[in-house]
Structure formats: structure tokens, C-alpha cells
Protein backbone atom coordinates (compact mmCIF):
# COMPACT_ATOMS: atom_id res chain seq x y z
CA UNK A 1 1.34 7.23 -15.60
CA UNK A 2 -2.05 7.54 -17.28
CA UNK A 3 -3.63 9.47 -20.13
CA UNK A 4 -6.67 11.76 -20.02
CA UNK A 5 -8.40 13.58 -22.87
CA UNK A 6 -8.97 17.30 -22.51
CA UNK A 7 -12.52 17.75 -23.82
CA UNK A 8 -11.97 21.47 -24.37
CA UNK A 9 -9.17 20.89 -26.89
CA UNK A 10 -7.41 18.20 -28.86
CA UNK A 11 -4.79 17.79 -26.15
CA UNK A 12 -3.93 14.70 -24.16
CA UNK A 13 -2.82 15.02 -20.55
CA UNK A 14 -0.31 12.60 -19.06
CA UNK A 15 -0.33 12.42 -15.27
CA UNK A 16 3.02 11.14 -14.09
CA UNK A 17 2.40 10.74 -10.35
CA UNK A 18 0.31 7.55 -10.52
CA UNK A 19 1.54 4.56 -8.55
CA UNK A 20 1.24 0.92 -9.51
CA UNK A 21 1.99 -0.71 -6.17
CA UNK A 22 2.41 -0.30 -2.43
CA UNK A 23 3.67 -2.55 0.37
CA UNK A 24 2.89 -2.16 4.08
CA UNK A 25 4.31 -3.79 7.21
CA UNK A 26 1.23 -3.58 9.42
CA UNK A 27 2.04 -2.79 13.04
CA UNK A 28 5.78 -2.80 12.45
CA UNK A 29 8.68 -0.68 11.12
CA UNK A 30 10.05 -0.42 7.60
CA UNK A 31 11.45 -3.77 6.51
CA UNK A 32 12.96 -5.02 3.25
CA UNK A 33 11.93 -8.49 2.08
CA UNK A 34 13.37 -9.90 -1.16
CA UNK A 35 14.42 -6.40 -2.28
CA UNK A 36 10.93 -5.02 -1.65
CA UNK A 37 10.47 -2.31 0.97
CA UNK A 38 7.43 -2.84 3.18
CA UNK A 39 6.72 0.52 4.78
CA UNK A 40 5.83 0.48 8.47
CA UNK A 41 2.49 2.02 9.30
CA UNK A 42 4.30 4.29 11.75
CA UNK A 43 1.83 4.63 14.61
CA UNK A 44 1.96 2.88 17.97
CA UNK A 45 -1.03 1.05 19.37
CA UNK A 46 -3.98 3.41 19.67
CA UNK A 47 -7.74 3.33 19.42
CA UNK A 48 -9.62 5.04 16.62
CA UNK A 49 -6.98 6.57 14.34
CA UNK A 50 -6.57 7.94 10.84
CA UNK A 51 -3.18 7.93 9.13
CA UNK A 52 -2.70 9.90 5.94
CA UNK A 53 0.68 10.82 4.48
CA UNK A 54 1.28 12.48 1.14
CA UNK A 55 4.63 10.71 0.69
CA UNK A 56 3.63 7.05 0.52
CA UNK A 57 0.50 6.45 -1.51
CA UNK A 58 -1.49 4.75 1.23
CA UNK A 59 -3.10 5.29 4.60
CA UNK A 60 -5.29 3.46 7.08
CA UNK A 61 -8.19 3.88 9.46
CA UNK A 62 -8.68 1.90 12.66
CA UNK A 63 -12.07 2.12 14.34
CA UNK A 64 -13.25 0.98 17.73
CA UNK A 65 -11.85 0.79 21.23
CA UNK A 66 -11.08 -2.18 23.44
CA UNK A 67 -13.09 -0.59 26.24
CA UNK A 68 -12.61 -3.64 28.43
CA UNK A 69 -8.82 -3.49 28.05
CA UNK A 70 -6.73 -0.61 29.42
CA UNK A 71 -3.45 -1.62 27.71
CA UNK A 72 -2.19 1.24 25.54
CA UNK A 73 -0.59 -1.13 23.01
CA UNK A 74 -3.54 -3.49 22.65
CA UNK A 75 -3.69 -2.66 18.93
CA UNK A 76 -0.20 -3.97 18.12
CA UNK A 77 0.39 -7.69 18.60
CA UNK A 78 4.02 -8.82 18.85
CA UNK A 79 5.71 -12.20 18.76
CA UNK A 80 9.24 -13.34 19.51
CA UNK A 81 11.30 -12.10 16.51
CA UNK A 82 13.61 -15.08 16.99
CA UNK A 83 10.81 -17.51 16.20
CA UNK A 84 8.82 -15.54 13.61
CA UNK A 85 9.85 -14.27 10.15
CA UNK A 86 10.50 -10.53 10.23
CA UNK A 87 7.34 -9.64 8.33
CA UNK A 88 5.20 -11.65 10.75
CA UNK A 89 6.70 -10.73 14.12
CA UNK A 90 4.24 -7.85 14.53
CA UNK A 91 0.67 -7.28 13.39
CA UNK A 92 -1.98 -4.60 13.65
CA UNK A 93 -5.36 -5.39 15.15
CA UNK A 94 -8.61 -3.53 15.69
CA UNK A 95 -11.68 -4.16 17.85
CA UNK A 96 -14.12 -3.25 15.05
CA UNK A 97 -12.70 -2.62 11.60
CA UNK A 98 -9.37 -1.88 10.01
CA UNK A 99 -9.26 -0.21 6.61
CA UNK A 100 -6.14 0.25 4.50
CA UNK A 101 -6.42 2.25 1.33
CA UNK A 102 -4.13 3.10 -1.56
CA UNK A 103 -4.55 6.33 -3.47
CA UNK A 104 -3.01 7.93 -6.57
CA UNK A 105 -3.04 4.48 -8.16
CA UNK A 106 -3.10 4.00 -11.89
CA UNK A 107 -6.49 2.63 -12.89
CA UNK A 108 -6.48 -1.03 -13.86
CA UNK A 109 -6.29 -4.53 -12.43
CA UNK A 110 -4.21 -5.35 -9.35
CA UNK A 111 -3.09 -8.36 -7.38
CA UNK A 112 -3.80 -7.96 -3.66
CA UNK A 113 -1.71 -10.09 -1.28
CA UNK A 114 -2.81 -10.08 2.36
CA UNK A 115 -0.32 -11.55 4.84
CA UNK A 116 -1.57 -13.13 8.06
CA UNK A 117 -0.20 -15.07 11.03
CA UNK A 118 -2.02 -15.78 14.29
CA UNK A 119 0.72 -14.76 16.71
CA UNK A 120 -1.39 -14.34 19.83
CA UNK A 121 -3.58 -17.43 20.20
CA UNK A 122 -0.60 -19.80 20.34
CA UNK A 123 -1.11 -23.57 20.25
CA UNK A 124 1.76 -24.08 22.72
CA UNK A 125 -0.23 -22.45 25.51
CA UNK A 126 -3.32 -24.49 26.49
CA UNK A 127 -5.51 -21.58 27.62
CA UNK A 128 -4.54 -19.42 24.65
CA UNK A 129 -5.13 -22.08 22.00
CA UNK A 130 -8.90 -22.09 22.58
CA UNK A 131 -9.17 -18.47 21.40
CA UNK A 132 -10.82 -17.94 17.99
CA UNK A 133 -10.38 -14.86 15.79
CA UNK A 134 -12.98 -14.48 13.04
CA UNK A 135 -13.55 -11.52 10.71
CA UNK A 136 -14.67 -10.63 7.19
CA UNK A 137 -12.49 -9.37 4.33
CA UNK A 138 -13.77 -6.73 1.92
CA UNK A 139 -11.89 -5.33 -1.09
CA UNK A 140 -13.36 -2.39 -3.00
CA UNK A 141 -16.53 -2.82 -0.94
CA UNK A 142 -17.01 -6.42 -2.12
CA UNK A 143 -17.09 -9.24 0.42
CA UNK A 144 -14.18 -11.51 -0.52
CA UNK A 145 -14.12 -13.80 2.51
CA UNK A 146 -16.72 -14.25 5.21
CA UNK A 147 -15.73 -15.64 8.62
CA UNK A 148 -12.01 -15.67 7.87
CA UNK A 149 -10.04 -17.55 10.54
CA UNK A 150 -6.25 -17.13 10.35
CA UNK A 151 -5.48 -20.23 12.43
CA UNK A 152 -7.68 -22.50 10.31
CA UNK A 153 -6.33 -21.19 7.00
CA UNK A 154 -2.70 -21.48 8.12
CA UNK A 155 -3.25 -24.90 9.75
CA UNK A 156 -1.98 -23.66 13.09
CA UNK A 157 -0.77 -20.64 14.99
CA UNK A 158 2.45 -18.75 14.34
CA UNK A 159 2.34 -19.85 10.70
CA UNK A 160 2.33 -17.38 7.84
CA UNK A 161 -0.44 -17.50 5.28
CA UNK A 162 -0.88 -15.26 2.22
CA UNK A 163 -4.28 -14.81 0.65
CA UNK A 164 -4.34 -13.45 -2.89
CA UNK A 165 -7.23 -11.58 -4.48
CA UNK A 166 -7.83 -9.67 -7.69
CA UNK A 167 -9.13 -6.11 -7.58
CA UNK A 168 -9.96 -3.43 -10.13
CA UNK A 169 -9.15 0.24 -9.57
CA UNK A 170 -11.34 2.67 -11.51
CA UNK A 171 -11.01 5.93 -9.57
CA UNK A 172 -7.33 5.74 -8.52
CA UNK A 173 -8.21 4.36 -5.07
CA UNK A 174 -8.11 0.85 -3.58
CA UNK A 175 -9.78 -0.04 -0.28
CA UNK A 176 -9.15 -3.10 1.88
CA UNK A 177 -11.38 -3.49 4.93
CA UNK A 178 -11.19 -6.13 7.65
CA UNK A 179 -14.41 -6.15 9.65
CA UNK A 180 -15.32 -7.86 12.93
CA UNK A 181 -18.99 -8.83 13.20
CA UNK A 182 -18.94 -10.19 16.74
CA UNK A 183 -17.88 -13.75 16.01
CA UNK A 184 -15.14 -15.68 17.79
CA UNK A 185 -13.96 -15.35 21.38
CA UNK A 186 -13.76 -12.01 23.21
CA UNK A 187 -12.54 -12.80 26.74
CA UNK A 188 -10.24 -15.83 26.20
CA UNK A 189 -7.47 -15.90 27.28
CA UNK A 190 -8.15 -12.33 28.42
CA UNK A 191 -10.23 -9.33 27.45
CA UNK A 192 -9.26 -7.25 24.44
CA UNK A 193 -7.95 -9.89 22.04
CA UNK A 194 -10.49 -10.16 19.25
CA UNK A 195 -11.22 -8.49 15.93
CA UNK A 196 -9.22 -8.42 12.69
CA UNK A 197 -5.45 -8.86 12.64
CA UNK A 198 -3.07 -8.44 9.70
CA UNK A 199 0.70 -8.65 9.31
CA UNK A 200 1.37 -7.10 5.90
CA UNK A 201 -0.20 -5.96 2.64
CA UNK A 202 1.26 -6.03 -0.87
CA UNK A 203 -0.51 -4.51 -3.86
CA UNK A 204 0.99 -4.82 -7.34
CA UNK A 205 -0.02 -4.32 -10.93
CA UNK A 206 0.60 -7.78 -12.47
CA UNK A 207 1.79 -6.15 -15.70
CA UNK A 208 4.82 -4.74 -13.87
CA UNK A 209 6.49 -8.14 -13.98
CA UNK A 210 6.71 -7.97 -17.76
CA UNK A 211 7.38 -4.28 -18.41
CA UNK A 212 10.78 -2.67 -18.70
CA UNK A 213 11.41 0.60 -20.47
CA UNK A 214 15.14 0.84 -21.20
CA UNK A 215 15.07 4.52 -22.22
CA UNK A 216 13.15 5.51 -19.09
CA UNK A 217 15.57 3.54 -16.91
CA UNK A 218 18.56 5.25 -18.54
CA UNK A 219 16.93 8.65 -18.02
CA UNK A 220 16.40 7.98 -14.31
CA UNK A 221 20.00 6.75 -13.92
CA UNK A 222 21.26 9.99 -15.47
CA UNK A 223 19.11 12.01 -13.06
CA UNK A 224 20.49 9.98 -10.15
CA UNK A 225 24.08 10.56 -11.25
CA UNK A 226 23.40 14.28 -11.63
CA UNK A 227 21.98 14.45 -8.09
CA UNK A 228 25.05 12.67 -6.69
CA UNK A 229 27.60 15.08 -8.17
CA UNK A 230 30.45 15.57 -5.70
CA UNK A 231 30.40 19.34 -6.20
CA UNK A 232 27.38 20.78 -4.32
CA UNK A 233 27.40 23.77 -6.65
CA UNK A 234 26.73 21.45 -9.59
CA UNK A 235 24.21 19.30 -7.76
CA UNK A 236 20.56 20.27 -8.51
CA UNK A 237 17.77 20.07 -5.99
CA UNK A 238 15.48 17.07 -6.31
CA UNK A 239 12.66 19.25 -7.64
CA UNK A 240 15.00 20.63 -10.30
CA UNK A 241 16.12 17.12 -11.24
CA UNK A 242 12.55 15.87 -11.54
CA UNK A 243 11.59 18.93 -13.58
CA UNK A 244 14.53 18.28 -15.90
CA UNK A 245 13.47 14.65 -16.31
CA UNK A 246 9.93 15.77 -17.16
CA UNK A 247 11.26 18.25 -19.71
CA UNK A 248 13.24 15.44 -21.36
CA UNK A 249 10.11 13.30 -21.53
CA UNK A 250 8.16 16.24 -22.93
CA UNK A 251 10.77 16.81 -25.64
CA UNK A 252 10.72 13.11 -26.57
CA UNK A 253 6.93 13.14 -26.91
CA UNK A 254 6.62 16.52 -28.60
CA UNK A 255 4.81 17.74 -25.50
CA UNK A 256 4.57 20.89 -23.44
CA UNK A 257 5.23 20.71 -19.70
CA UNK A 258 2.50 22.51 -17.77
CA UNK A 259 2.13 23.44 -14.11
CA UNK A 260 1.01 20.81 -11.63
CA UNK A 261 -2.34 21.17 -9.92
CA UNK A 262 -3.26 21.09 -6.25
CA UNK A 263 -4.27 17.45 -6.61
CA UNK A 264 -1.58 15.40 -4.75
CA UNK A 265 -2.05 12.64 -7.32
CA UNK A 266 -1.03 14.99 -10.14
CA UNK A 267 2.37 16.24 -9.07
CA UNK A 268 3.42 16.54 -12.69
CA UNK A 269 1.58 16.81 -15.98
CA UNK A 270 2.54 16.72 -19.62
CA UNK A 271 0.21 18.33 -22.13
CA UNK A 272 0.47 16.88 -25.63
CA UNK A 273 -1.10 18.64 -28.58
CA UNK A 274 -2.36 15.76 -30.71
CA UNK A 275 -3.09 18.13 -33.55
CA UNK A 276 0.61 18.96 -34.06
CA UNK A 277 2.31 15.83 -32.78
CA UNK A 278 2.90 12.51 -34.48
CA UNK A 279 3.40 10.79 -31.11
CA UNK A 280 1.84 7.34 -30.90
CA UNK A 281 0.30 7.61 -27.44
CA UNK A 282 -0.46 3.89 -27.38
CA UNK A 283 3.27 3.23 -27.15
CA UNK A 284 3.79 5.40 -24.05
């Protein structure tokens, strides 16, 4: 949720569709880790692809083609799930660059956790262990790590390593780009195993750990109970339930609920007339 000032009037606009986090299981399916759902990126191994979905608030772009490798699943690397933690048993790779982006984010500071494990160049296999994967990490267009080597950072292969960075979102979008600049091995142990590789991504607003709005939680629980009414005739549609929740918020704030726009990041708006309302917007 964020506030905007309407320059044509004394009104404030609250956009209620902003997100403050997203979690991705790169190359794998949906998986829940410590009560957090990591959404699978949902596409099998392919070459240059663009994934955009209006439901989760993220997408990704993979560029390049392993032209010297005809395997259709060269872009998804898998390990034995019996020997690897669930979040690290699969990973997404790319021969050139891999860009994940979050959109509809609330502007502010975020903690970016990038999860890696080198699950292909395994130390147990002599010919595989000589392979080297090296790439650069950019966040918001800023080089955060040059010549990143998963194996070196994790002190071995098959070991999970999480790298944490800080990032600032100013236009509701966060970009993470992993870029291969031609370093490392390209034909050992075989062709088509080079370029960036990532297991999972977790983006959170650090303030979320300290914030809890009891009234908002109670309101959402009431909406949930209403939607689970045993009598279908008394059970509202989800859109009706959300609209009702927004009306309750509007009443609490002395606001007027207005129509949403075509912007997918603004699925609901509250218009507050500051001239006639005593609402302290700093407490929202």
C-alpha cells in the first residue's frame, strides 16, 4: 500500500495492490520452505523466453541459446532430490543472461536473497569437478558481484549458499540480472554447461518483520470466514469480498472508494479528501 498526492485536488490516493515481497523457486515447482511459498517459475527448459503473469508479481527473461547443445532441457539443471535440499534440487541456467524482475512493489528498501548451489560440476566426478562457472550479478542495473563463482563461495559443489544484498525500489520495479561474460569453462565436461545458474530468489521488505496491524488482520479473517460460508447462496464471490473489505477500509479512513484503473499494479484505489477528513495518513 502506498500514498500518492493528486496534484489536481487536495485528495490523497491509496493504491492497495502493492507487494512487499516475492519468492521464486528457479527451475522448479512451487515449494513451501519454513512456511514461505516459493513459486515455481513454471516453464520447462527452453532457449530465449519471457515469462509474465499478472497473478504473481514477478517474471523473468532468459536470453541466449546453447547452440552447441541439442538437449531440450539444457536450461534446467537437476540433482538427486535425495541428496539435495528441496529448494536446491533444481536450478535455472542460461547461456547468456537471466533476468528476474518484480513489479507492483511498494517503493522502498528491500533485502535481496539469492540462493545458489553448484549441482552440475560435482566434486565426486573427476572430469566434472574441473568445470568452472563464472558470471556477474547485477541488481537494479548496479554491478554487485563480478566473476561470481558458486563453487568457490560455497566451498564445494552441491552446497547451498545464500548471498544477501540491499536494493532500493523507486519505480515499483526490481531487476536482478545474472550475466555471463565468457569466463569459465564451456566444453567441460560437455558442451552447453556454462553461464549463470540460480536455485531460488527471495525478496522482502525488512520492515515486514516488525509490522503487524491487528485491525487489518481481523478484517481479513472476517472476509475469509465470509467466503467459506457453508451456504453457497450466502457466500460472496472473491471480487465482492475484496470490494467489501475495501469499503470497510474506506469507511475507517473517511475515504471514498473509486474505480480501479487499467494499471495491473492498481487493482484497487481509495481516494481520501484531505480537506474534509481528519485522518492521520502517517498512521496508515
